[in-house]
Amino acid sequence: MENRQRRLVIRISRDSLSFSTADSGGVRYEPYVLNSSISMAANLREAVHTSELLNETYESTLVMVDSPTLMVPVNEFEEENSKMLYNHAFTGTEQLIVKHSVLPDLNAIVLFAIQKDLCTVLSDNFNGVRYSAAVAPVWRHLHQRSYIGQHQKIFGYFHDRRAEVFSFAQNRFKFCNSFAVNNPNDALYFLLGVWKQLGLEAERDELHLVGDIIERDALLEEAQRYVKRVFYINPSGEFNRAPVTQIKGMPYDLMTLYIKGR
C-alpha cells in the first residue's frame, strides 16, 4: 500500500496512548509507554521522535479520543452551542476543546473533549487530522447486533477502568452512560441499575458484555444470579478469528474500527 493511501490512527485516553495503521501486512499496533511525570501532550511530542510508526508518512490521521461523551439528537444539534452544552454536563472542562462526531445510524451527534495543547501537537505534526469518540465504532457495531433476535438488550463495553452501558430502540439510543468501574461489584451495581431503569425482564431480555472486564468470570457468574441471558462477546468469535483480534492489548473499539471501518 502506498504512503498516500495510508491512515494513522492515534488512540488517546487519560492513561494510555497508542498508534496503529493498516497496510499490506495487516494492522500494526504500537502502544506507547507513558512518562507519568509529564503531560499527555509532552508524551506525544516525545513519541513523534521515538515511535517507529510515527516516523512514517501518512495522508490522514484519525484521533480516537476516550473522554466523557454527551449525546445530542441530530435535529437539536447546533455546533455553536456544543461547548456550552458540554461544559454544563461535565464540570472542569472549560479549558478543553469540544469536538463532535456524527452517528447517522443512531440519529445522534456525540460531543467529546480534548486538551488544547494536545490539539496543537496533533495539528503541528500530523496530516489531515480528524477526531472521533473512541467508543463510536463499538456503538455502531453493537447497534447492528441489537437487531439479532427478538429480545431487548443492554450492552456493557469495558475499557480504561470504565463501563459504557447502552441500549438501542428504533435507530436511537434508549440509554447511554459511562461509569467508573474498579471491581465486579461496581460493574454489577451499574448494570442492574440500568436494567431496572429500562424495565427489562430477567427471564427474557439479554445482557451483553465485551472488552477488558476486571475479574470477568466473577462478574458473569454474579450477573447470572439476576439475569438469565448473560453473554460475553469474544472478539475472536465475533469477528471470525480476524488477525486483528489476536493483537495483544488492543482495545475492542480499535479492533472494531479496523474490522468494520469508519
C-alpha atoms as a PDB file:
ATOM      1  CA  MET A   1       0.000   0.000   0.000  1.00  0.00           C
ATOM      2  CA  GLU A   2       1.418   3.383  -0.951  1.00  0.00           C
ATOM      3  CA  ASN A   3       2.007   6.076   1.621  1.00  0.00           C
ATOM      4  CA  ARG A   4      -0.544   8.415   0.063  1.00  0.00           C
ATOM      5  CA  GLN A   5      -3.264   5.838   0.781  1.00  0.00           C
ATOM      6  CA  ARG A   6      -2.335   5.226   4.380  1.00  0.00           C
ATOM      7  CA  ARG A   7      -4.026   6.413   7.556  1.00  0.00           C
ATOM      8  CA  LEU A   8      -2.536   6.701  11.010  1.00  0.00           C
ATOM      9  CA  VAL A   9      -4.821   6.052  13.981  1.00  0.00           C
ATOM     10  CA  ILE A  10      -3.900   7.629  17.317  1.00  0.00           C
ATOM     11  CA  ARG A  11      -5.921   6.498  20.333  1.00  0.00           C
ATOM     12  CA  ILE A  12      -5.749   8.740  23.407  1.00  0.00           C
ATOM     13  CA  SER A  13      -7.242   8.098  26.828  1.00  0.00           C
ATOM     14  CA  ARG A  14      -6.457   9.555  30.222  1.00  0.00           C
ATOM     15  CA  ASP A  15      -3.834   6.873  30.949  1.00  0.00           C
ATOM     16  CA  SER A  16      -2.896   5.408  27.576  1.00  0.00           C
ATOM     17  CA  LEU A  17      -1.622   6.342  24.140  1.00  0.00           C
ATOM     18  CA  SER A  18      -1.267   4.119  21.091  1.00  0.00           C
ATOM     19  CA  PHE A  19      -0.557   4.321  17.374  1.00  0.00           C
ATOM     20  CA  SER A  20      -1.710   1.936  14.660  1.00  0.00           C
ATOM     21  CA  THR A  21      -2.063   1.631  10.916  1.00  0.00           C
ATOM     22  CA  ALA A  22      -3.229  -0.909   8.347  1.00  0.00           C
ATOM     23  CA  ASP A  23      -1.040  -1.831   5.405  1.00  0.00           C
ATOM     24  CA  SER A  24      -0.476  -4.799   3.097  1.00  0.00           C
ATOM     25  CA  GLY A  25       0.954  -6.787   6.007  1.00  0.00           C
ATOM     26  CA  GLY A  26      -2.097  -6.260   8.194  1.00  0.00           C
ATOM     27  CA  VAL A  27      -2.621  -3.996  11.195  1.00  0.00           C
ATOM     28  CA  ARG A  28       0.422  -2.746  13.071  1.00  0.00           C
ATOM     29  CA  TYR A  29      -0.236  -1.654  16.648  1.00  0.00           C
ATOM     30  CA  GLU A  30       2.164   0.242  18.870  1.00  0.00           C
ATOM     31  CA  PRO A  31       1.177   1.100  22.452  1.00  0.00           C
ATOM     32  CA  TYR A  32       3.290   3.911  23.850  1.00  0.00           C
ATOM     33  CA  VAL A  33       4.768   3.708  27.351  1.00  0.00           C
ATOM     34  CA  LEU A  34       3.769   6.958  29.031  1.00  0.00           C
ATOM     35  CA  ASN A  35       6.007   9.067  31.222  1.00  0.00           C
ATOM     36  CA  SER A  36       3.586   9.839  34.054  1.00  0.00           C
ATOM     37  CA  SER A  37       5.593  12.873  35.189  1.00  0.00           C
ATOM     38  CA  ILE A  38       4.758  14.874  32.055  1.00  0.00           C
ATOM     39  CA  SER A  39       1.517  15.799  30.254  1.00  0.00           C
ATOM     40  CA  MET A  40      -0.083  13.733  27.513  1.00  0.00           C
ATOM     41  CA  ALA A  41       0.856  16.441  25.013  1.00  0.00           C
ATOM     42  CA  ALA A  42       4.505  16.240  26.104  1.00  0.00           C
ATOM     43  CA  ASN A  43       4.383  12.447  25.801  1.00  0.00           C
ATOM     44  CA  LEU A  44       3.065  12.779  22.258  1.00  0.00           C
ATOM     45  CA  ARG A  45       5.825  15.251  21.383  1.00  0.00           C
ATOM     46  CA  GLU A  46       8.410  12.746  22.563  1.00  0.00           C
ATOM     47  CA  ALA A  47       6.685   9.913  20.705  1.00  0.00           C
ATOM     48  CA  VAL A  48       6.997  11.840  17.445  1.00  0.00           C
ATOM     49  CA  HIS A  49      10.773  11.430  17.741  1.00  0.00           C
ATOM     50  CA  THR A  50      10.920   7.873  19.092  1.00  0.00           C
ATOM     51  CA  SER A  51       7.965   5.911  17.694  1.00  0.00           C
ATOM     52  CA  GLU A  52       8.641   3.663  14.726  1.00  0.00           C
ATOM     53  CA  LEU A  53       5.128   4.140  13.317  1.00  0.00           C
ATOM     54  CA  LEU A  54       5.200   7.925  13.699  1.00  0.00           C
ATOM     55  CA  ASN A  55       8.359   8.147  11.611  1.00  0.00           C
ATOM     56  CA  GLU A  56       6.440   7.024   8.540  1.00  0.00           C
ATOM     57  CA  THR A  57       4.307   9.145   6.205  1.00  0.00           C
ATOM     58  CA  TYR A  58       0.510   9.196   6.220  1.00  0.00           C
ATOM     59  CA  GLU A  59      -2.079  11.062   4.218  1.00  0.00           C
ATOM     60  CA  SER A  60      -4.563  11.294   7.072  1.00  0.00           C
ATOM     61  CA  THR A  61      -4.788  10.854  10.833  1.00  0.00           C
ATOM     62  CA  LEU A  62      -7.746   9.652  12.872  1.00  0.00           C
ATOM     63  CA  VAL A  63      -7.553  10.608  16.544  1.00  0.00           C
ATOM     64  CA  MET A  64      -9.755   8.393  18.730  1.00  0.00           C
ATOM     65  CA  VAL A  65     -10.428  10.300  21.945  1.00  0.00           C
ATOM     66  CA  ASP A  66     -11.537   8.463  25.063  1.00  0.00           C
ATOM     67  CA  SER A  67     -13.196  11.170  27.134  1.00  0.00           C
ATOM     68  CA  PRO A  68     -16.683  11.673  28.637  1.00  0.00           C
ATOM     69  CA  THR A  69     -19.339  11.823  25.918  1.00  0.00           C
ATOM     70  CA  LEU A  70     -22.600  13.713  25.571  1.00  0.00           C
ATOM     71  CA  MET A  71     -25.329  12.698  23.132  1.00  0.00           C
ATOM     72  CA  VAL A  72     -27.344  15.309  21.234  1.00  0.00           C
ATOM     73  CA  PRO A  73     -30.197  14.391  18.847  1.00  0.00           C
ATOM     74  CA  VAL A  74     -29.322  15.324  15.267  1.00  0.00           C
ATOM     75  CA  ASN A  75     -32.334  17.627  14.897  1.00  0.00           C
ATOM     76  CA  GLU A  76     -31.362  19.565  18.040  1.00  0.00           C
ATOM     77  CA  PHE A  77     -27.651  19.956  17.348  1.00  0.00           C
ATOM     78  CA  GLU A  78     -26.224  23.443  16.906  1.00  0.00           C
ATOM     79  CA  GLU A  79     -22.450  23.451  16.685  1.00  0.00           C
ATOM     80  CA  GLU A  80     -22.125  26.925  18.194  1.00  0.00           C
ATOM     81  CA  ASN A  81     -23.799  25.655  21.376  1.00  0.00           C
ATOM     82  CA  SER A  82     -21.792  22.440  21.726  1.00  0.00           C
ATOM     83  CA  LYS A  83     -19.163  23.835  24.105  1.00  0.00           C
ATOM     84  CA  MET A  84     -21.816  25.360  26.357  1.00  0.00           C
ATOM     85  CA  LEU A  85     -23.737  22.064  26.499  1.00  0.00           C
ATOM     86  CA  TYR A  86     -20.626  20.023  27.215  1.00  0.00           C
ATOM     87  CA  ASN A  87     -19.378  22.358  29.935  1.00  0.00           C
ATOM     88  CA  HIS A  88     -22.814  22.281  31.532  1.00  0.00           C
ATOM     89  CA  ALA A  89     -22.855  18.466  31.554  1.00  0.00           C
ATOM     90  CA  PHE A  90     -19.272  17.968  32.776  1.00  0.00           C
ATOM     91  CA  THR A  91     -17.562  20.177  35.325  1.00  0.00           C
ATOM     92  CA  GLY A  92     -13.952  21.249  34.955  1.00  0.00           C
ATOM     93  CA  THR A  93     -13.948  21.051  31.156  1.00  0.00           C
ATOM     94  CA  GLU A  94     -13.911  24.767  30.360  1.00  0.00           C
ATOM     95  CA  GLN A  95     -10.283  24.693  29.183  1.00  0.00           C
ATOM     96  CA  LEU A  96     -10.832  21.769  26.818  1.00  0.00           C
ATOM     97  CA  ILE A  97     -11.702  21.898  23.130  1.00  0.00           C
ATOM     98  CA  VAL A  98     -15.066  20.271  22.409  1.00  0.00           C
ATOM     99  CA  LYS A  99     -15.270  18.120  19.266  1.00  0.00           C
ATOM    100  CA  HIS A 100     -18.156  16.168  17.797  1.00  0.00           C
ATOM    101  CA  SER A 101     -18.806  13.066  15.701  1.00  0.00           C
ATOM    102  CA  VAL A 102     -21.914  12.311  13.679  1.00  0.00           C
ATOM    103  CA  LEU A 103     -23.635   8.965  14.289  1.00  0.00           C
ATOM    104  CA  PRO A 104     -26.082   8.912  11.366  1.00  0.00           C
ATOM    105  CA  ASP A 105     -27.305   5.353  12.045  1.00  0.00           C
ATOM    106  CA  LEU A 106     -28.375   6.465  15.510  1.00  0.00           C
ATOM    107  CA  ASN A 107     -29.690   9.932  14.637  1.00  0.00           C
ATOM    108  CA  ALA A 108     -27.258  11.450  17.142  1.00  0.00           C
ATOM    109  CA  ILE A 109     -24.243  13.692  17.495  1.00  0.00           C
ATOM    110  CA  VAL A 110     -21.710  12.753  20.157  1.00  0.00           C
ATOM    111  CA  LEU A 111     -19.758  15.524  21.892  1.00  0.00           C
ATOM    112  CA  PHE A 112     -16.379  14.826  23.497  1.00  0.00           C
ATOM    113  CA  ALA A 113     -13.397  16.930  24.534  1.00  0.00           C
ATOM    114  CA  ILE A 114      -9.623  17.035  24.182  1.00  0.00           C
ATOM    115  CA  GLN A 115      -6.918  19.185  25.737  1.00  0.00           C
ATOM    116  CA  LYS A 116      -5.922  22.280  23.776  1.00  0.00           C
ATOM    117  CA  ASP A 117      -2.195  21.530  23.929  1.00  0.00           C
ATOM    118  CA  LEU A 118      -2.841  18.052  22.525  1.00  0.00           C
ATOM    119  CA  CYS A 119      -4.713  19.554  19.585  1.00  0.00           C
ATOM    120  CA  THR A 120      -1.756  21.831  18.944  1.00  0.00           C
ATOM    121  CA  VAL A 121       0.729  18.946  18.920  1.00  0.00           C
ATOM    122  CA  LEU A 122      -1.528  16.935  16.630  1.00  0.00           C
ATOM    123  CA  SER A 123      -2.074  19.742  14.117  1.00  0.00           C
ATOM    124  CA  ASP A 124       1.644  20.605  14.118  1.00  0.00           C
ATOM    125  CA  ASN A 125       2.861  17.064  13.455  1.00  0.00           C
ATOM    126  CA  PHE A 126       0.243  15.101  11.540  1.00  0.00           C
ATOM    127  CA  ASN A 127      -1.605  15.358   8.231  1.00  0.00           C
ATOM    128  CA  GLY A 128      -5.371  15.516   7.747  1.00  0.00           C
ATOM    129  CA  VAL A 129      -6.280  15.226  11.419  1.00  0.00           C
ATOM    130  CA  ARG A 130      -9.843  14.113  12.153  1.00  0.00           C
ATOM    131  CA  TYR A 131     -11.318  13.391  15.592  1.00  0.00           C
ATOM    132  CA  SER A 132     -13.744  10.714  16.780  1.00  0.00           C
ATOM    133  CA  ALA A 133     -15.063   9.468  20.096  1.00  0.00           C
ATOM    134  CA  ALA A 134     -13.113   6.269  20.799  1.00  0.00           C
ATOM    135  CA  VAL A 135     -16.245   4.267  21.610  1.00  0.00           C
ATOM    136  CA  ALA A 136     -18.076   5.257  18.388  1.00  0.00           C
ATOM    137  CA  PRO A 137     -17.134   2.110  16.374  1.00  0.00           C
ATOM    138  CA  VAL A 138     -18.493  -0.044  19.215  1.00  0.00           C
ATOM    139  CA  TRP A 139     -21.793   1.843  19.295  1.00  0.00           C
ATOM    140  CA  ARG A 140     -22.215   1.432  15.536  1.00  0.00           C
ATOM    141  CA  HIS A 141     -21.359  -2.264  15.518  1.00  0.00           C
ATOM    142  CA  LEU A 142     -23.417  -3.268  18.548  1.00  0.00           C
ATOM    143  CA  HIS A 143     -26.353  -1.242  17.264  1.00  0.00           C
ATOM    144  CA  GLN A 144     -26.424  -3.622  14.299  1.00  0.00           C
ATOM    145  CA  ARG A 145     -26.042  -6.601  16.613  1.00  0.00           C
ATOM    146  CA  SER A 146     -29.026  -5.384  18.650  1.00  0.00           C
ATOM    147  CA  TYR A 147     -31.325  -6.398  15.792  1.00  0.00           C
ATOM    148  CA  ILE A 148     -30.425 -10.095  16.183  1.00  0.00           C
ATOM    149  CA  GLY A 149     -33.283 -11.924  17.889  1.00  0.00           C
ATOM    150  CA  GLN A 150     -36.481 -10.608  19.411  1.00  0.00           C
ATOM    151  CA  HIS A 151     -35.333  -9.679  22.900  1.00  0.00           C
ATOM    152  CA  GLN A 152     -34.296  -6.298  24.263  1.00  0.00           C
ATOM    153  CA  LYS A 153     -30.595  -5.940  25.032  1.00  0.00           C
ATOM    154  CA  ILE A 154     -28.267  -3.943  27.250  1.00  0.00           C
ATOM    155  CA  PHE A 155     -24.620  -3.720  26.229  1.00  0.00           C
ATOM    156  CA  GLY A 156     -21.682  -3.073  28.528  1.00  0.00           C
ATOM    157  CA  TYR A 157     -18.351  -2.151  26.945  1.00  0.00           C
ATOM    158  CA  PHE A 158     -15.465  -2.202  29.453  1.00  0.00           C
ATOM    159  CA  HIS A 159     -12.264  -0.242  28.829  1.00  0.00           C
ATOM    160  CA  ASP A 160      -9.844   2.053  30.652  1.00  0.00           C
ATOM    161  CA  ARG A 161     -11.425   1.085  34.021  1.00  0.00           C
ATOM    162  CA  ARG A 162     -14.842   2.286  32.857  1.00  0.00           C
ATOM    163  CA  ALA A 163     -18.029   0.684  31.596  1.00  0.00           C
ATOM    164  CA  GLU A 164     -20.003   2.213  28.737  1.00  0.00           C
ATOM    165  CA  VAL A 165     -23.563   0.970  29.231  1.00  0.00           C
ATOM    166  CA  PHE A 166     -26.064   1.458  26.414  1.00  0.00           C
ATOM    167  CA  SER A 167     -29.212   0.170  24.776  1.00  0.00           C
ATOM    168  CA  PHE A 168     -30.956   0.887  21.493  1.00  0.00           C
ATOM    169  CA  ALA A 169     -34.519   1.230  20.232  1.00  0.00           C
ATOM    170  CA  GLN A 170     -35.749   2.274  16.772  1.00  0.00           C
ATOM    171  CA  ASN A 171     -32.386   3.547  15.469  1.00  0.00           C
ATOM    172  CA  ARG A 172     -31.769   5.629  18.569  1.00  0.00           C
ATOM    173  CA  PHE A 173     -30.105   5.323  21.921  1.00  0.00           C
ATOM    174  CA  LYS A 174     -32.589   4.200  24.539  1.00  0.00           C
ATOM    175  CA  PHE A 175     -29.892   4.631  27.192  1.00  0.00           C
ATOM    176  CA  CYS A 176     -26.234   5.668  27.112  1.00  0.00           C
ATOM    177  CA  ASN A 177     -23.963   6.438  30.050  1.00  0.00           C
ATOM    178  CA  SER A 178     -20.471   5.734  31.369  1.00  0.00           C
ATOM    179  CA  PHE A 179     -19.471   4.560  34.838  1.00  0.00           C
ATOM    180  CA  ALA A 180     -16.127   4.259  36.636  1.00  0.00           C
ATOM    181  CA  VAL A 181     -15.552   0.587  37.436  1.00  0.00           C
ATOM    182  CA  ASN A 182     -12.887  -0.757  39.778  1.00  0.00           C
ATOM    183  CA  ASN A 183     -14.289  -4.194  40.612  1.00  0.00           C
ATOM    184  CA  PRO A 184     -17.077  -6.620  39.625  1.00  0.00           C
ATOM    185  CA  ASN A 185     -19.397  -5.326  42.336  1.00  0.00           C
ATOM    186  CA  ASP A 186     -19.261  -1.803  40.906  1.00  0.00           C
ATOM    187  CA  ALA A 187     -19.964  -3.138  37.437  1.00  0.00           C
ATOM    188  CA  LEU A 188     -22.905  -5.263  38.528  1.00  0.00           C
ATOM    189  CA  TYR A 189     -24.417  -2.401  40.532  1.00  0.00           C
ATOM    190  CA  PHE A 190     -24.467  -0.102  37.498  1.00  0.00           C
ATOM    191  CA  LEU A 191     -25.613  -2.772  35.039  1.00  0.00           C
ATOM    192  CA  LEU A 192     -28.527  -3.884  37.210  1.00  0.00           C
ATOM    193  CA  GLY A 193     -29.436  -0.271  37.915  1.00  0.00           C
ATOM    194  CA  VAL A 194     -29.789   0.386  34.180  1.00  0.00           C
ATOM    195  CA  TRP A 195     -31.623  -2.922  33.738  1.00  0.00           C
ATOM    196  CA  LYS A 196     -34.179  -1.857  36.346  1.00  0.00           C
ATOM    197  CA  GLN A 197     -34.462   1.683  34.933  1.00  0.00           C
ATOM    198  CA  LEU A 198     -35.306   0.317  31.485  1.00  0.00           C
ATOM    199  CA  GLY A 199     -37.791  -2.172  32.904  1.00  0.00           C
ATOM    200  CA  LEU A 200     -36.237  -5.245  31.282  1.00  0.00           C
ATOM    201  CA  GLU A 201     -37.318  -8.782  32.120  1.00  0.00           C
ATOM    202  CA  ALA A 202     -34.852 -11.064  33.918  1.00  0.00           C
ATOM    203  CA  GLU A 203     -36.064 -14.241  32.192  1.00  0.00           C
ATOM    204  CA  ARG A 204     -36.297 -12.958  28.638  1.00  0.00           C
ATOM    205  CA  ASP A 205     -34.099  -9.944  27.881  1.00  0.00           C
ATOM    206  CA  GLU A 206     -30.345 -10.011  27.369  1.00  0.00           C
ATOM    207  CA  LEU A 207     -27.155  -8.554  28.839  1.00  0.00           C
ATOM    208  CA  HIS A 208     -24.122  -8.496  26.531  1.00  0.00           C
ATOM    209  CA  LEU A 209     -20.665  -7.672  27.886  1.00  0.00           C
ATOM    210  CA  VAL A 210     -17.436  -7.029  25.988  1.00  0.00           C
ATOM    211  CA  GLY A 211     -13.988  -5.556  26.449  1.00  0.00           C
ATOM    212  CA  ASP A 212     -11.391  -5.502  29.211  1.00  0.00           C
ATOM    213  CA  ILE A 213     -13.524  -6.683  32.134  1.00  0.00           C
ATOM    214  CA  ILE A 214     -11.954  -6.734  35.600  1.00  0.00           C
ATOM    215  CA  GLU A 215     -12.489 -10.238  37.060  1.00  0.00           C
ATOM    216  CA  ARG A 216     -14.672 -11.189  34.121  1.00  0.00           C
ATOM    217  CA  ASP A 217     -15.663 -14.686  35.297  1.00  0.00           C
ATOM    218  CA  ALA A 218     -16.752 -13.348  38.673  1.00  0.00           C
ATOM    219  CA  LEU A 219     -18.898 -10.662  37.044  1.00  0.00           C
ATOM    220  CA  LEU A 220     -20.531 -13.088  34.615  1.00  0.00           C
ATOM    221  CA  GLU A 221     -21.284 -15.582  37.370  1.00  0.00           C
ATOM    222  CA  GLU A 222     -22.762 -12.944  39.644  1.00  0.00           C
ATOM    223  CA  ALA A 223     -24.800 -11.324  36.841  1.00  0.00           C
ATOM    224  CA  GLN A 224     -26.399 -14.682  36.021  1.00  0.00           C
ATOM    225  CA  ARG A 225     -27.900 -14.751  39.509  1.00  0.00           C
ATOM    226  CA  TYR A 226     -30.148 -11.860  38.444  1.00  0.00           C
ATOM    227  CA  VAL A 227     -30.364 -12.073  34.640  1.00  0.00           C
ATOM    228  CA  LYS A 228     -30.885 -15.396  32.870  1.00  0.00           C
ATOM    229  CA  ARG A 229     -29.442 -14.445  29.485  1.00  0.00           C
ATOM    230  CA  VAL A 230     -25.925 -13.033  30.035  1.00  0.00           C
ATOM    231  CA  PHE A 231     -23.382 -13.189  27.214  1.00  0.00           C
ATOM    232  CA  TYR A 232     -19.701 -12.349  26.901  1.00  0.00           C
ATOM    233  CA  ILE A 233     -18.747 -11.189  23.394  1.00  0.00           C
ATOM    234  CA  ASN A 234     -15.427 -12.812  22.493  1.00  0.00           C
ATOM    235  CA  PRO A 235     -13.788 -10.652  19.791  1.00  0.00           C
ATOM    236  CA  SER A 236     -12.186 -13.623  18.027  1.00  0.00           C
ATOM    237  CA  GLY A 237     -15.523 -15.393  17.648  1.00  0.00           C
ATOM    238  CA  GLU A 238     -17.398 -12.163  16.966  1.00  0.00           C
ATOM    239  CA  PHE A 239     -15.110 -11.252  14.078  1.00  0.00           C
ATOM    240  CA  ASN A 240     -14.465 -14.718  12.618  1.00  0.00           C
ATOM    241  CA  ARG A 241     -10.940 -15.002  14.019  1.00  0.00           C
ATOM    242  CA  ALA A 242      -9.736 -11.901  12.208  1.00  0.00           C
ATOM    243  CA  PRO A 243      -5.977 -11.441  12.779  1.00  0.00           C
ATOM    244  CA  VAL A 244      -6.517  -8.059  14.438  1.00  0.00           C
ATOM    245  CA  THR A 245      -8.340  -9.776  17.315  1.00  0.00           C
ATOM    246  CA  GLN A 246      -5.096 -11.576  18.195  1.00  0.00           C
ATOM    247  CA  ILE A 247      -3.114  -8.383  18.776  1.00  0.00           C
ATOM    248  CA  LYS A 248      -2.253  -8.284  22.454  1.00  0.00           C
ATOM    249  CA  GLY A 249      -3.556  -5.277  24.366  1.00  0.00           C
ATOM    250  CA  MET A 250      -5.564  -3.757  21.524  1.00  0.00           C
ATOM    251  CA  PRO A 251      -8.865  -2.262  22.789  1.00  0.00           C
ATOM    252  CA  TYR A 252     -12.090  -3.671  21.361  1.00  0.00           C
ATOM    253  CA  ASP A 253     -13.034  -0.263  19.929  1.00  0.00           C
ATOM    254  CA  LEU A 254      -9.833  -0.228  17.864  1.00  0.00           C
ATOM    255  CA  MET A 255     -10.392  -3.798  16.666  1.00  0.00           C
ATOM    256  CA  THR A 256     -13.912  -2.827  15.634  1.00  0.00           C
ATOM    257  CA  LEU A 257     -12.648   0.225  13.762  1.00  0.00           C
ATOM    258  CA  TYR A 258     -10.264  -1.859  11.662  1.00  0.00           C
ATOM    259  CA  ILE A 259     -12.735  -4.662  11.003  1.00  0.00           C
ATOM    260  CA  LYS A 260     -15.908  -2.635  10.447  1.00  0.00           C
ATOM    261  CA  GLY A 261     -14.399   0.588   9.119  1.00  0.00           C
ATOM    262  CA  ARG A 262     -15.245   4.311   9.545  1.00  0.00           C
END
